[in-house]
N, C-alpha and C. Protein backbone atom coordinates (compact mmCIF):
# COMPACT_ATOMS: atom_id res chain seq x y z
N PHE A 1 0.93 -1.18 0.03
CA PHE A 1 0.12 0.05 0.07
C PHE A 1 0.74 1.26 -0.01
N SER A 2 0.73 2.24 -0.98
CA SER A 2 1.62 3.39 -1.21
C SER A 2 1.46 4.42 -0.04
N GLU A 3 0.29 4.51 0.61
CA GLU A 3 -0.17 5.72 1.31
C GLU A 3 -0.62 5.30 2.70
N PHE A 4 -0.16 5.91 3.72
CA PHE A 4 -0.47 5.51 5.27
C PHE A 4 -1.05 6.76 5.99
N GLN A 5 -2.23 6.62 6.43
CA GLN A 5 -2.88 7.67 7.13
C GLN A 5 -3.16 7.15 8.54
N CYS A 6 -3.42 8.04 9.53
CA CYS A 6 -3.84 7.70 10.92
C CYS A 6 -4.76 8.71 11.66
N ASP A 7 -5.66 8.30 12.20
CA ASP A 7 -6.60 9.20 12.91
C ASP A 7 -7.10 8.59 14.09
N GLY A 8 -7.92 9.15 14.95
CA GLY A 8 -8.44 8.52 16.02
C GLY A 8 -9.78 9.28 16.24
N LEU A 9 -10.88 8.69 17.14
CA LEU A 9 -11.92 9.23 17.68
C LEU A 9 -11.51 10.16 18.59
N LYS A 10 -12.23 11.51 18.37
CA LYS A 10 -11.75 12.60 19.12
C LYS A 10 -12.63 12.65 20.24
N ILE A 11 -11.96 12.75 21.55
CA ILE A 11 -12.84 12.79 22.83
C ILE A 11 -11.95 13.94 23.35
N ASP A 12 -12.81 15.05 23.80
CA ASP A 12 -12.27 16.23 24.37
C ASP A 12 -12.69 16.36 25.85
N SER A 13 -13.55 15.58 26.27
CA SER A 13 -14.11 15.88 27.73
C SER A 13 -14.91 14.60 28.11
N TYR A 14 -15.21 14.62 29.26
CA TYR A 14 -15.78 13.31 29.97
C TYR A 14 -17.15 13.27 29.48
N GLU A 15 -17.68 14.48 29.18
CA GLU A 15 -19.20 14.56 28.72
C GLU A 15 -19.34 14.10 27.42
N GLN A 16 -18.14 14.19 26.56
CA GLN A 16 -18.26 13.64 25.19
C GLN A 16 -17.96 12.36 25.06
N TYR A 17 -17.25 11.87 26.14
CA TYR A 17 -16.97 10.27 26.28
C TYR A 17 -18.25 9.71 26.67
N MET A 18 -19.05 10.22 27.69
CA MET A 18 -20.32 9.71 28.01
C MET A 18 -21.45 9.66 26.81
N ASN A 19 -21.22 10.48 25.78
CA ASN A 19 -22.08 10.70 24.78
C ASN A 19 -21.95 9.72 23.77
N TYR A 20 -20.77 9.25 23.70
CA TYR A 20 -20.13 8.25 22.70
C TYR A 20 -20.08 6.78 22.98
N PHE A 21 -19.87 6.51 24.27
CA PHE A 21 -19.94 5.16 24.90
C PHE A 21 -20.95 4.76 25.72
N TYR A 22 -21.32 3.27 25.91
CA TYR A 22 -22.35 2.99 26.81
C TYR A 22 -21.82 3.15 28.31
N GLU A 23 -22.84 3.39 29.08
CA GLU A 23 -22.54 3.54 30.54
C GLU A 23 -21.82 2.51 31.07
N THR A 24 -22.25 1.18 30.88
CA THR A 24 -21.66 -0.03 31.41
C THR A 24 -20.93 -0.93 30.55
N ASP A 25 -20.53 -0.45 29.34
CA ASP A 25 -19.88 -1.27 28.45
C ASP A 25 -18.65 -0.57 27.73
N HIS A 26 -17.66 -1.33 27.31
CA HIS A 26 -16.43 -0.73 26.87
C HIS A 26 -16.43 -0.28 25.34
N HIS A 27 -17.59 -0.63 24.75
CA HIS A 27 -17.88 -0.22 23.36
C HIS A 27 -18.54 0.82 23.15
N TRP A 28 -18.27 1.54 21.94
CA TRP A 28 -18.98 2.77 21.57
C TRP A 28 -20.29 2.66 21.13
N ASN A 29 -21.19 3.54 21.51
CA ASN A 29 -22.64 3.35 21.38
C ASN A 29 -23.10 3.65 19.90
N TYR A 30 -24.35 4.05 19.60
CA TYR A 30 -24.67 4.25 18.40
C TYR A 30 -24.23 5.74 17.82
N LYS A 31 -24.10 6.65 18.72
CA LYS A 31 -23.64 7.95 18.36
C LYS A 31 -22.13 7.91 18.07
N GLY A 32 -21.20 7.06 19.08
CA GLY A 32 -19.94 7.21 18.89
C GLY A 32 -19.51 6.32 17.78
N SER A 33 -20.22 5.19 17.53
CA SER A 33 -19.82 4.24 16.40
C SER A 33 -20.19 5.06 15.00
N TYR A 34 -21.14 5.76 14.97
CA TYR A 34 -21.51 6.49 13.69
C TYR A 34 -20.56 7.55 13.49
N GLN A 35 -19.96 8.24 14.59
CA GLN A 35 -19.00 9.27 14.35
C GLN A 35 -17.67 8.70 13.87
N GLY A 36 -17.41 7.37 14.53
CA GLY A 36 -16.33 6.64 13.90
C GLY A 36 -16.28 6.50 12.47
N TYR A 37 -17.48 5.97 12.16
CA TYR A 37 -17.62 5.54 10.60
C TYR A 37 -17.57 6.92 9.78
N LYS A 38 -17.97 7.80 10.21
CA LYS A 38 -17.98 9.20 9.52
C LYS A 38 -16.37 9.67 9.31
N ASP A 39 -15.62 9.41 10.58
CA ASP A 39 -14.16 9.72 10.43
C ASP A 39 -13.40 8.94 9.57
N ILE A 40 -13.69 7.59 9.52
CA ILE A 40 -13.01 6.62 8.66
C ILE A 40 -13.45 6.86 7.09
N ILE A 41 -14.54 7.27 6.84
CA ILE A 41 -14.94 7.43 5.32
C ILE A 41 -14.38 8.71 5.00
N ASN A 42 -14.26 9.75 5.84
CA ASN A 42 -13.50 11.06 5.76
C ASN A 42 -12.03 11.02 5.44
N LEU A 43 -11.62 10.01 6.15
CA LEU A 43 -10.15 9.65 6.01
C LEU A 43 -9.75 8.85 4.71
N MET A 44 -10.43 7.95 4.49
CA MET A 44 -10.24 6.99 3.33
C MET A 44 -10.83 7.22 1.96
N LEU A 45 -12.01 8.01 2.05
CA LEU A 45 -12.80 8.18 0.99
C LEU A 45 -13.47 9.74 1.00
N PRO A 46 -12.57 10.75 1.20
CA PRO A 46 -13.04 11.94 1.53
C PRO A 46 -14.12 12.46 0.51
N GLU A 47 -14.30 12.09 -0.70
CA GLU A 47 -15.17 12.55 -1.56
C GLU A 47 -16.59 11.87 -1.49
N GLU A 48 -16.55 10.92 -0.77
CA GLU A 48 -17.68 9.86 -0.62
C GLU A 48 -18.79 10.80 0.51
N ASN A 49 -20.11 10.50 0.08
CA ASN A 49 -21.15 10.92 1.00
C ASN A 49 -21.49 9.72 1.91
N VAL A 50 -21.55 9.90 3.27
CA VAL A 50 -21.97 8.91 4.28
C VAL A 50 -23.33 8.41 4.18
N LEU A 51 -23.70 7.43 4.67
CA LEU A 51 -25.09 6.95 4.70
C LEU A 51 -25.69 7.75 5.98
N GLU A 52 -27.01 8.40 5.88
CA GLU A 52 -27.41 8.95 6.73
C GLU A 52 -28.52 8.09 7.68
N PRO A 53 -28.63 8.24 8.76
CA PRO A 53 -29.72 7.21 9.60
C PRO A 53 -31.01 7.81 9.13
N ILE A 54 -31.90 6.72 8.90
CA ILE A 54 -33.39 6.82 8.55
C ILE A 54 -34.14 6.97 9.77
N GLU A 55 -33.77 6.46 10.84
CA GLU A 55 -34.55 6.38 12.19
C GLU A 55 -33.51 6.01 13.44
N THR A 56 -33.88 6.70 14.50
CA THR A 56 -33.32 6.30 15.75
C THR A 56 -34.36 5.62 16.65
N LYS A 57 -33.96 4.43 16.94
CA LYS A 57 -34.81 3.26 17.61
C LYS A 57 -34.35 3.11 19.08
N THR A 58 -35.29 3.29 20.07
CA THR A 58 -34.92 2.99 21.30
C THR A 58 -35.80 1.70 21.78
N PHE A 59 -35.29 0.46 22.20
CA PHE A 59 -35.97 -0.57 22.38
C PHE A 59 -36.23 -0.74 23.80
N ASP A 60 -37.44 -1.49 23.97
CA ASP A 60 -37.89 -1.34 25.26
C ASP A 60 -37.29 -2.58 26.28
N THR A 61 -35.99 -2.51 26.50
CA THR A 61 -35.18 -3.30 27.12
C THR A 61 -33.86 -2.58 27.62
N TYR A 62 -33.29 -2.95 28.85
CA TYR A 62 -32.15 -2.09 29.21
C TYR A 62 -30.94 -2.91 28.88
N TYR A 63 -29.92 -2.22 28.69
CA TYR A 63 -28.70 -2.85 28.47
C TYR A 63 -27.63 -2.62 29.50
N TYR A 64 -27.22 -3.71 30.00
CA TYR A 64 -26.30 -3.82 31.12
C TYR A 64 -25.01 -4.26 30.19
N GLY A 65 -23.94 -3.56 30.10
CA GLY A 65 -22.78 -3.97 29.44
C GLY A 65 -21.89 -4.80 29.90
N SER A 66 -20.67 -5.08 29.25
CA SER A 66 -19.62 -5.92 29.66
C SER A 66 -19.14 -5.81 31.10
N ASN A 67 -19.12 -4.47 31.50
CA ASN A 67 -18.37 -3.97 32.71
C ASN A 67 -19.64 -4.36 33.97
N ALA A 68 -20.77 -4.36 33.61
CA ALA A 68 -21.79 -4.72 34.52
C ALA A 68 -21.82 -6.24 34.59
N ARG A 69 -21.71 -6.71 33.58
CA ARG A 69 -21.74 -8.37 33.59
C ARG A 69 -20.46 -8.94 34.41
N THR A 70 -19.45 -8.29 34.11
CA THR A 70 -18.04 -8.72 34.72
C THR A 70 -18.08 -8.72 36.42
N THR A 71 -18.77 -7.34 36.71
CA THR A 71 -18.69 -7.27 38.19
C THR A 71 -19.95 -7.76 38.72
N ALA A 72 -20.94 -7.99 37.89
CA ALA A 72 -22.36 -8.40 38.61
C ALA A 72 -23.01 -7.24 39.27
N VAL A 73 -22.70 -5.98 39.04
CA VAL A 73 -23.31 -4.71 39.52
C VAL A 73 -24.20 -4.00 38.58
N TYR A 74 -25.44 -4.17 38.73
CA TYR A 74 -26.59 -3.62 37.97
C TYR A 74 -27.14 -2.45 38.21
N THR A 75 -26.43 -1.53 38.95
CA THR A 75 -27.25 -0.28 39.37
C THR A 75 -27.27 0.62 38.14
N ASN A 76 -26.55 0.76 37.27
CA ASN A 76 -26.42 1.76 36.05
C ASN A 76 -27.18 0.96 35.07
N LYS A 77 -28.09 1.57 34.26
CA LYS A 77 -28.72 0.90 33.30
C LYS A 77 -29.24 2.02 32.15
N GLU A 78 -29.18 1.41 30.92
CA GLU A 78 -29.90 2.39 29.86
C GLU A 78 -30.60 1.74 29.01
N LYS A 79 -31.58 2.28 28.15
CA LYS A 79 -32.30 1.82 27.22
C LYS A 79 -31.27 1.50 25.89
N PHE A 80 -31.50 0.31 25.21
CA PHE A 80 -30.74 0.29 24.25
C PHE A 80 -31.17 0.79 22.95
N THR A 81 -30.33 1.67 22.30
CA THR A 81 -30.73 2.41 21.28
C THR A 81 -29.82 2.52 20.01
N VAL A 82 -30.20 2.49 18.73
CA VAL A 82 -29.52 2.17 17.61
C VAL A 82 -30.01 3.36 16.60
N TYR A 83 -29.32 3.55 15.50
CA TYR A 83 -29.65 4.18 14.25
C TYR A 83 -29.84 3.01 13.20
N ASP A 84 -30.96 3.30 12.40
CA ASP A 84 -31.20 2.26 11.48
C ASP A 84 -30.99 3.00 10.22
N PHE A 85 -30.51 2.22 9.17
CA PHE A 85 -30.19 2.50 7.90
C PHE A 85 -30.72 1.71 6.71
N LYS A 86 -30.71 2.31 5.53
CA LYS A 86 -31.15 1.58 4.42
C LYS A 86 -29.87 1.46 3.45
N PHE A 87 -29.72 0.05 3.58
CA PHE A 87 -28.51 -0.40 2.80
C PHE A 87 -29.00 -0.97 1.31
N PRO A 88 -27.79 -0.79 0.52
CA PRO A 88 -28.09 -1.32 -0.93
C PRO A 88 -27.94 -2.85 -0.78
N LYS A 89 -28.37 -3.54 -1.70
CA LYS A 89 -28.41 -4.98 -1.82
C LYS A 89 -27.03 -5.57 -1.60
N HIS A 90 -26.71 -6.72 -0.90
CA HIS A 90 -25.41 -7.20 -0.70
C HIS A 90 -25.70 -8.61 -0.17
N THR A 91 -24.53 -9.35 -0.07
CA THR A 91 -24.36 -10.56 0.38
C THR A 91 -23.35 -10.58 1.51
N THR A 92 -23.73 -11.45 2.47
CA THR A 92 -22.73 -11.41 3.83
C THR A 92 -22.33 -12.84 3.80
N TYR A 93 -20.89 -12.95 4.56
CA TYR A 93 -20.37 -14.51 4.69
C TYR A 93 -19.59 -14.41 5.96
N VAL A 94 -19.92 -15.42 6.61
CA VAL A 94 -19.28 -15.47 8.22
C VAL A 94 -18.28 -16.81 7.95
N ASN A 95 -16.89 -16.56 7.98
CA ASN A 95 -16.02 -17.41 8.08
C ASN A 95 -16.20 -18.35 6.73
N GLY A 96 -16.38 -17.53 5.70
CA GLY A 96 -16.50 -18.20 4.31
C GLY A 96 -17.80 -18.85 4.05
N THR A 97 -18.73 -18.89 4.83
CA THR A 97 -20.01 -19.32 4.62
C THR A 97 -20.97 -18.41 4.40
N LEU A 98 -21.91 -18.43 3.38
CA LEU A 98 -22.98 -17.62 3.07
C LEU A 98 -24.00 -17.39 4.38
N SER A 99 -24.11 -16.15 5.15
CA SER A 99 -24.87 -16.05 6.38
C SER A 99 -25.34 -14.84 6.56
N GLY A 100 -26.34 -14.60 7.62
CA GLY A 100 -26.59 -13.19 7.89
C GLY A 100 -25.62 -12.89 9.01
N TYR A 101 -25.67 -11.69 9.36
CA TYR A 101 -24.78 -10.91 10.37
C TYR A 101 -25.49 -10.00 10.95
N GLY A 102 -25.86 -10.29 12.29
CA GLY A 102 -26.52 -9.20 13.32
C GLY A 102 -28.03 -9.59 13.11
N ASN A 103 -28.74 -8.82 14.05
CA ASN A 103 -30.12 -9.37 14.13
C ASN A 103 -31.15 -8.22 13.91
N ARG A 104 -30.98 -7.12 13.08
CA ARG A 104 -31.64 -5.96 13.16
C ARG A 104 -33.33 -6.29 12.82
N ASP A 105 -33.45 -7.31 12.01
CA ASP A 105 -35.05 -7.40 11.82
C ASP A 105 -35.60 -8.05 13.09
N MET A 106 -34.76 -9.01 13.66
CA MET A 106 -35.59 -9.55 15.00
C MET A 106 -35.63 -8.39 15.88
N TYR A 107 -34.78 -7.56 16.13
CA TYR A 107 -35.07 -6.31 17.07
C TYR A 107 -36.23 -5.65 16.66
N PHE A 108 -36.28 -5.14 15.37
CA PHE A 108 -37.40 -4.22 14.97
C PHE A 108 -38.88 -5.05 14.86
N ASN A 109 -38.57 -6.44 14.96
CA ASN A 109 -40.01 -7.02 15.23
C ASN A 109 -40.24 -7.52 16.72
N ASN A 110 -39.55 -6.72 17.54
CA ASN A 110 -39.69 -6.98 19.07
C ASN A 110 -39.37 -8.40 19.55
N GLY A 111 -38.43 -8.94 18.86
CA GLY A 111 -37.93 -10.28 19.22
C GLY A 111 -36.74 -10.46 19.90
N TYR A 112 -36.41 -9.40 20.74
CA TYR A 112 -35.13 -9.21 21.58
C TYR A 112 -35.51 -9.80 23.08
N SER A 113 -34.30 -9.92 23.62
CA SER A 113 -34.32 -10.48 24.97
C SER A 113 -34.43 -9.25 25.84
N THR A 114 -35.17 -9.60 26.98
CA THR A 114 -35.25 -8.46 28.12
C THR A 114 -34.53 -9.07 29.27
N GLU A 115 -33.77 -10.09 29.17
CA GLU A 115 -32.94 -10.69 30.24
C GLU A 115 -31.85 -9.69 30.68
N LYS A 116 -31.72 -9.66 31.97
CA LYS A 116 -30.65 -8.82 32.67
C LYS A 116 -29.38 -9.19 32.25
N GLY A 117 -28.41 -8.33 31.69
CA GLY A 117 -27.11 -8.70 31.37
C GLY A 117 -27.01 -9.30 29.86
N TYR A 118 -27.98 -9.15 29.21
CA TYR A 118 -27.97 -9.83 27.85
C TYR A 118 -27.15 -8.80 26.95
N ASN A 119 -26.38 -9.47 26.08
CA ASN A 119 -25.29 -8.65 25.12
C ASN A 119 -26.08 -8.02 24.05
N HIS A 120 -26.80 -6.92 24.17
CA HIS A 120 -27.42 -6.48 22.89
C HIS A 120 -26.56 -5.96 22.04
N TYR A 121 -25.36 -5.58 22.35
CA TYR A 121 -24.29 -5.09 21.28
C TYR A 121 -23.92 -6.07 20.29
N GLY A 122 -23.67 -7.35 20.85
CA GLY A 122 -23.15 -8.30 20.08
C GLY A 122 -24.38 -8.97 19.31
N ALA A 123 -25.63 -9.04 19.94
CA ALA A 123 -27.01 -9.60 19.32
C ALA A 123 -27.35 -8.74 18.02
N PHE A 124 -27.51 -7.53 18.39
CA PHE A 124 -28.01 -6.63 17.30
C PHE A 124 -27.05 -6.42 16.25
N TYR A 125 -25.69 -6.00 16.45
CA TYR A 125 -24.84 -5.88 15.36
C TYR A 125 -24.13 -7.10 14.89
N GLY A 126 -24.03 -7.96 15.33
CA GLY A 126 -23.30 -9.15 14.98
C GLY A 126 -22.14 -9.66 16.12
N GLY A 127 -21.88 -10.85 16.22
CA GLY A 127 -20.88 -11.32 16.96
C GLY A 127 -19.55 -11.29 16.41
N ASP A 128 -18.56 -11.94 17.18
CA ASP A 128 -17.12 -11.83 16.87
C ASP A 128 -16.76 -13.15 16.18
N PHE A 129 -16.21 -12.92 14.85
CA PHE A 129 -15.78 -14.22 14.24
C PHE A 129 -14.58 -13.99 13.40
N ALA A 130 -13.79 -14.91 13.01
CA ALA A 130 -12.49 -14.86 12.45
C ALA A 130 -12.72 -14.11 11.36
N GLU A 131 -13.55 -14.22 10.37
CA GLU A 131 -13.61 -13.42 9.15
C GLU A 131 -15.06 -13.09 8.96
N VAL A 132 -15.37 -11.94 8.61
CA VAL A 132 -16.84 -11.55 8.13
C VAL A 132 -16.48 -10.75 6.86
N SER A 133 -17.25 -11.02 5.63
CA SER A 133 -17.18 -10.28 4.69
C SER A 133 -18.38 -9.92 4.05
N PHE A 134 -18.48 -8.93 3.15
CA PHE A 134 -19.81 -8.34 2.53
C PHE A 134 -19.35 -7.97 1.17
N ASP A 135 -20.28 -8.46 0.30
CA ASP A 135 -20.06 -8.13 -1.16
C ASP A 135 -21.25 -7.35 -1.57
N PHE A 136 -20.91 -6.08 -1.87
CA PHE A 136 -22.00 -5.09 -2.40
C PHE A 136 -22.20 -4.92 -3.91
N LYS A 137 -21.45 -5.88 -4.57
CA LYS A 137 -21.50 -6.15 -6.03
C LYS A 137 -21.37 -4.78 -6.63
N GLN A 138 -20.15 -3.98 -6.43
CA GLN A 138 -19.99 -2.78 -7.10
C GLN A 138 -18.57 -2.73 -7.62
N PRO A 139 -18.34 -3.63 -8.72
CA PRO A 139 -17.00 -3.87 -9.25
C PRO A 139 -16.31 -2.54 -9.58
N GLU A 140 -16.91 -1.48 -9.85
CA GLU A 140 -16.16 -0.05 -10.10
C GLU A 140 -15.60 0.29 -8.86
N LYS A 141 -15.83 -0.10 -7.76
CA LYS A 141 -15.15 0.37 -6.38
C LYS A 141 -14.27 -0.65 -6.02
N GLU A 142 -13.54 -0.15 -4.92
CA GLU A 142 -12.18 -1.01 -4.56
C GLU A 142 -12.71 -2.24 -3.44
N ASN A 143 -11.58 -2.97 -3.31
CA ASN A 143 -11.81 -4.03 -2.34
C ASN A 143 -11.06 -3.36 -0.83
N LEU A 144 -11.84 -3.81 0.19
CA LEU A 144 -11.29 -3.40 1.49
C LEU A 144 -10.81 -4.31 2.37
N LEU A 145 -9.80 -4.48 3.02
CA LEU A 145 -9.54 -5.25 4.14
C LEU A 145 -9.49 -4.52 5.56
N VAL A 146 -10.23 -4.90 6.42
CA VAL A 146 -10.14 -4.32 7.86
C VAL A 146 -9.73 -5.60 8.76
N ILE A 147 -8.75 -5.02 9.58
CA ILE A 147 -8.23 -6.06 10.87
C ILE A 147 -8.83 -5.12 12.02
N ALA A 148 -9.67 -5.84 12.75
CA ALA A 148 -10.11 -5.00 13.80
C ALA A 148 -10.90 -6.09 14.93
N PRO A 149 -11.06 -5.40 16.16
CA PRO A 149 -11.91 -6.55 17.18
C PRO A 149 -13.18 -5.98 17.07
N SER A 150 -14.12 -6.26 18.26
CA SER A 150 -15.50 -6.06 18.15
C SER A 150 -15.89 -4.60 17.93
N TYR A 151 -15.04 -3.70 18.10
CA TYR A 151 -15.41 -2.19 17.74
C TYR A 151 -16.00 -2.05 16.55
N SER A 152 -15.54 -2.93 15.49
CA SER A 152 -15.98 -2.75 14.09
C SER A 152 -17.46 -3.26 13.79
N ASN A 153 -17.74 -4.09 14.83
CA ASN A 153 -19.20 -4.90 14.72
C ASN A 153 -20.28 -3.77 14.17
N ALA A 154 -20.23 -2.71 15.02
CA ALA A 154 -21.25 -1.83 14.79
C ALA A 154 -21.34 -1.07 13.42
N ILE A 155 -20.23 -0.96 12.75
CA ILE A 155 -20.06 -0.13 11.75
C ILE A 155 -19.65 -1.14 10.31
N ASN A 156 -19.44 -2.53 10.42
CA ASN A 156 -19.03 -3.39 9.52
C ASN A 156 -19.88 -3.01 8.16
N LYS A 157 -21.06 -2.99 8.28
CA LYS A 157 -22.07 -2.98 7.27
C LYS A 157 -21.95 -1.64 6.45
N LEU A 158 -21.86 -0.44 7.46
CA LEU A 158 -21.77 0.88 7.01
C LEU A 158 -20.52 1.02 6.12
N LEU A 159 -19.38 0.72 6.77
CA LEU A 159 -18.21 0.77 5.88
C LEU A 159 -18.17 0.06 4.68
N ALA A 160 -18.70 -1.23 4.63
CA ALA A 160 -18.66 -2.07 3.52
C ALA A 160 -19.54 -1.54 2.39
N SER A 161 -20.69 -0.84 2.58
CA SER A 161 -21.43 -0.26 1.70
C SER A 161 -20.64 0.72 0.67
N HIS A 162 -19.56 1.29 1.07
CA HIS A 162 -18.62 2.20 0.23
C HIS A 162 -17.70 1.44 -0.74
N PHE A 163 -17.72 0.09 -0.64
CA PHE A 163 -16.74 -0.54 -1.26
C PHE A 163 -17.40 -1.88 -2.19
N ASN A 164 -16.49 -2.50 -3.03
CA ASN A 164 -17.15 -3.55 -3.83
C ASN A 164 -17.18 -4.88 -2.78
N LYS A 165 -16.07 -5.28 -2.36
CA LYS A 165 -15.92 -6.35 -1.39
C LYS A 165 -15.18 -5.88 -0.04
N THR A 166 -15.63 -6.32 0.97
CA THR A 166 -15.05 -5.92 2.21
C THR A 166 -14.83 -7.05 3.23
N TYR A 167 -13.58 -7.15 3.73
CA TYR A 167 -13.08 -8.43 4.34
C TYR A 167 -12.74 -8.00 6.04
N TYR A 168 -13.58 -8.49 6.99
CA TYR A 168 -13.13 -8.11 8.38
C TYR A 168 -12.49 -9.42 8.97
N ILE A 169 -11.28 -9.07 9.50
CA ILE A 169 -10.58 -10.14 10.13
C ILE A 169 -10.23 -9.82 11.69
N ASP A 170 -10.66 -10.83 12.60
CA ASP A 170 -10.57 -10.66 14.09
C ASP A 170 -9.29 -11.64 14.31
N LEU A 171 -8.15 -11.07 14.62
CA LEU A 171 -7.08 -11.88 14.95
C LEU A 171 -7.09 -12.77 16.19
N ARG A 172 -8.07 -12.38 17.00
CA ARG A 172 -8.27 -13.22 18.22
C ARG A 172 -8.93 -14.37 17.77
N HIS A 173 -9.62 -14.75 16.82
CA HIS A 173 -10.19 -15.81 16.50
C HIS A 173 -9.72 -16.61 15.25
N TYR A 174 -8.87 -15.99 14.44
CA TYR A 174 -8.35 -16.27 13.10
C TYR A 174 -7.72 -17.78 13.07
N GLN A 175 -6.69 -18.00 14.10
CA GLN A 175 -5.87 -19.26 13.96
C GLN A 175 -6.76 -20.41 14.57
N ASN A 176 -7.55 -20.29 15.47
CA ASN A 176 -8.38 -21.22 16.15
C ASN A 176 -9.51 -21.62 15.15
N THR A 177 -9.85 -20.66 14.33
CA THR A 177 -10.97 -21.00 13.27
C THR A 177 -10.23 -21.78 11.86
N TYR A 178 -9.15 -21.25 11.61
CA TYR A 178 -8.45 -21.60 10.29
C TYR A 178 -7.39 -22.66 10.61
N GLY A 179 -6.90 -22.89 11.79
CA GLY A 179 -5.83 -23.55 12.09
C GLY A 179 -4.47 -23.06 11.56
N LYS A 180 -4.30 -21.68 11.15
CA LYS A 180 -3.09 -21.15 10.80
C LYS A 180 -3.24 -19.42 11.12
N ALA A 181 -1.96 -19.13 11.04
CA ALA A 181 -1.93 -17.48 11.58
C ALA A 181 -2.33 -16.81 10.07
N PHE A 182 -2.82 -15.68 10.21
CA PHE A 182 -3.44 -14.81 9.23
C PHE A 182 -2.00 -14.33 8.67
N ASN A 183 -2.11 -14.41 7.32
CA ASN A 183 -1.14 -13.89 6.59
C ASN A 183 -1.51 -12.72 5.65
N PRO A 184 -1.35 -11.62 5.94
CA PRO A 184 -1.88 -10.32 5.35
C PRO A 184 -1.53 -10.32 3.87
N GLU A 185 -0.26 -10.44 3.60
CA GLU A 185 0.25 -10.47 2.18
C GLU A 185 -0.51 -11.39 1.22
N GLU A 186 -0.40 -12.82 1.75
CA GLU A 186 -1.21 -13.75 1.03
C GLU A 186 -2.84 -13.41 0.68
N PHE A 187 -3.22 -12.94 1.92
CA PHE A 187 -4.69 -12.61 1.73
C PHE A 187 -5.14 -11.38 0.87
N CYS A 188 -4.21 -10.44 0.84
CA CYS A 188 -4.38 -9.29 -0.15
C CYS A 188 -4.30 -9.67 -1.60
N LYS A 189 -3.22 -10.67 -1.75
CA LYS A 189 -3.09 -11.06 -3.18
C LYS A 189 -4.32 -11.84 -3.70
N LYS A 190 -4.65 -12.80 -2.82
CA LYS A 190 -5.79 -13.84 -3.34
C LYS A 190 -6.99 -12.83 -3.53
N ASN A 191 -7.32 -11.93 -2.58
CA ASN A 191 -8.60 -11.26 -2.67
C ASN A 191 -8.50 -9.84 -3.40
N LYS A 192 -7.50 -9.42 -4.00
CA LYS A 192 -7.18 -8.41 -4.72
C LYS A 192 -7.76 -7.08 -3.92
N ILE A 193 -6.85 -6.89 -2.79
CA ILE A 193 -7.32 -5.95 -1.72
C ILE A 193 -6.64 -4.46 -2.37
N ASP A 194 -7.55 -3.51 -2.26
CA ASP A 194 -6.95 -2.11 -2.74
C ASP A 194 -6.70 -1.38 -1.65
N LYS A 195 -7.50 -1.44 -0.44
CA LYS A 195 -7.41 -0.67 0.61
C LYS A 195 -7.27 -1.54 2.11
N PHE A 196 -6.44 -1.08 2.98
CA PHE A 196 -6.36 -1.66 4.29
C PHE A 196 -6.66 -0.88 5.38
N LEU A 197 -7.47 -1.02 6.29
CA LEU A 197 -7.78 -0.45 7.38
C LEU A 197 -7.65 -0.96 8.83
N PHE A 198 -6.79 -0.82 9.61
CA PHE A 198 -6.32 -1.35 10.88
C PHE A 198 -7.16 -0.52 12.13
N LEU A 199 -8.17 -0.99 12.35
CA LEU A 199 -9.00 -0.44 13.30
C LEU A 199 -8.83 -1.09 14.72
N ILE A 200 -8.36 -0.24 15.93
CA ILE A 200 -7.99 -0.67 16.96
C ILE A 200 -8.39 -0.04 18.28
N SER A 201 -8.30 -0.43 19.31
CA SER A 201 -8.29 0.22 20.65
C SER A 201 -6.99 0.09 21.32
N ILE A 202 -6.64 0.83 22.16
CA ILE A 202 -5.54 0.97 22.87
C ILE A 202 -5.27 -0.47 23.67
N ASP A 203 -6.21 -1.00 24.29
CA ASP A 203 -6.09 -2.01 25.16
C ASP A 203 -5.55 -3.19 24.21
N HIS A 204 -6.29 -3.43 23.13
CA HIS A 204 -5.90 -4.36 22.22
C HIS A 204 -4.46 -4.36 21.74
N LEU A 205 -3.98 -3.12 21.39
CA LEU A 205 -2.57 -2.92 21.00
C LEU A 205 -1.44 -3.38 22.07
N THR A 206 -1.84 -3.29 23.47
CA THR A 206 -1.07 -3.65 24.66
C THR A 206 -1.16 -5.13 25.00
N ASN A 207 -2.22 -5.99 24.44
CA ASN A 207 -2.28 -7.27 24.97
C ASN A 207 -1.75 -8.40 23.93
N GLY A 208 -1.23 -7.98 22.86
CA GLY A 208 -0.58 -8.94 21.88
C GLY A 208 -1.53 -9.63 20.95
N ASN A 209 -2.83 -9.48 21.20
CA ASN A 209 -3.72 -10.17 20.29
C ASN A 209 -3.68 -9.82 18.81
N PHE A 210 -3.16 -8.49 18.44
CA PHE A 210 -3.46 -7.95 17.10
C PHE A 210 -2.05 -7.61 16.56
N GLU A 211 -0.97 -8.53 16.88
CA GLU A 211 0.23 -8.37 16.30
C GLU A 211 0.15 -9.01 15.01
N LEU A 212 0.78 -8.30 13.95
CA LEU A 212 0.90 -8.86 12.47
C LEU A 212 2.28 -9.55 12.27
N ALA A 213 2.32 -10.88 12.45
CA ALA A 213 3.53 -11.36 12.17
C ALA A 213 4.23 -11.52 10.92
N ASN A 214 3.31 -11.50 9.91
CA ASN A 214 3.75 -11.51 8.49
C ASN A 214 4.04 -10.15 7.90
């Protein structure tokens, strides 16, 4: 790749952090993830228009995130809220198999859980897998490789809508799933990758899960 750019989600105050992240979870919420998506598109495709939400939906269930589940302290709670978008037609693959990803329709049809401690972030946006890929069938556009942890789950489809084919690799699960380490050079050649995004949080940089050995 001939050009390297770097940026991060800008947090200037505690109030802004609370606006962008869940009260009891380490992930960004619908506002934070959408801002992250806009920042990434502005960085990678500055001439592109981002997708705009068509609705803000608050579900009748409380979200107690990973921090609450870990400590079993459920004093803080917040209603689970998302943005909804209208996406072009596409196909989705999980670990190479044609599959749905996320449960948007189930939630909008009131089929979600109300159990205390239920992981609504993972259930609504989609879980963690070695490889999730999207084909928006736009051959005039580029192919994108993203290496990321679960922070990308909320914006996987949003980013992918700007590309032809998009591949998300979670290094925490790749070797256990495929029986070998991820080889970025080999993967890029095989899938004709034009752009590469490394989306990461500081804690993942320090625990060794996202080291690229090749």
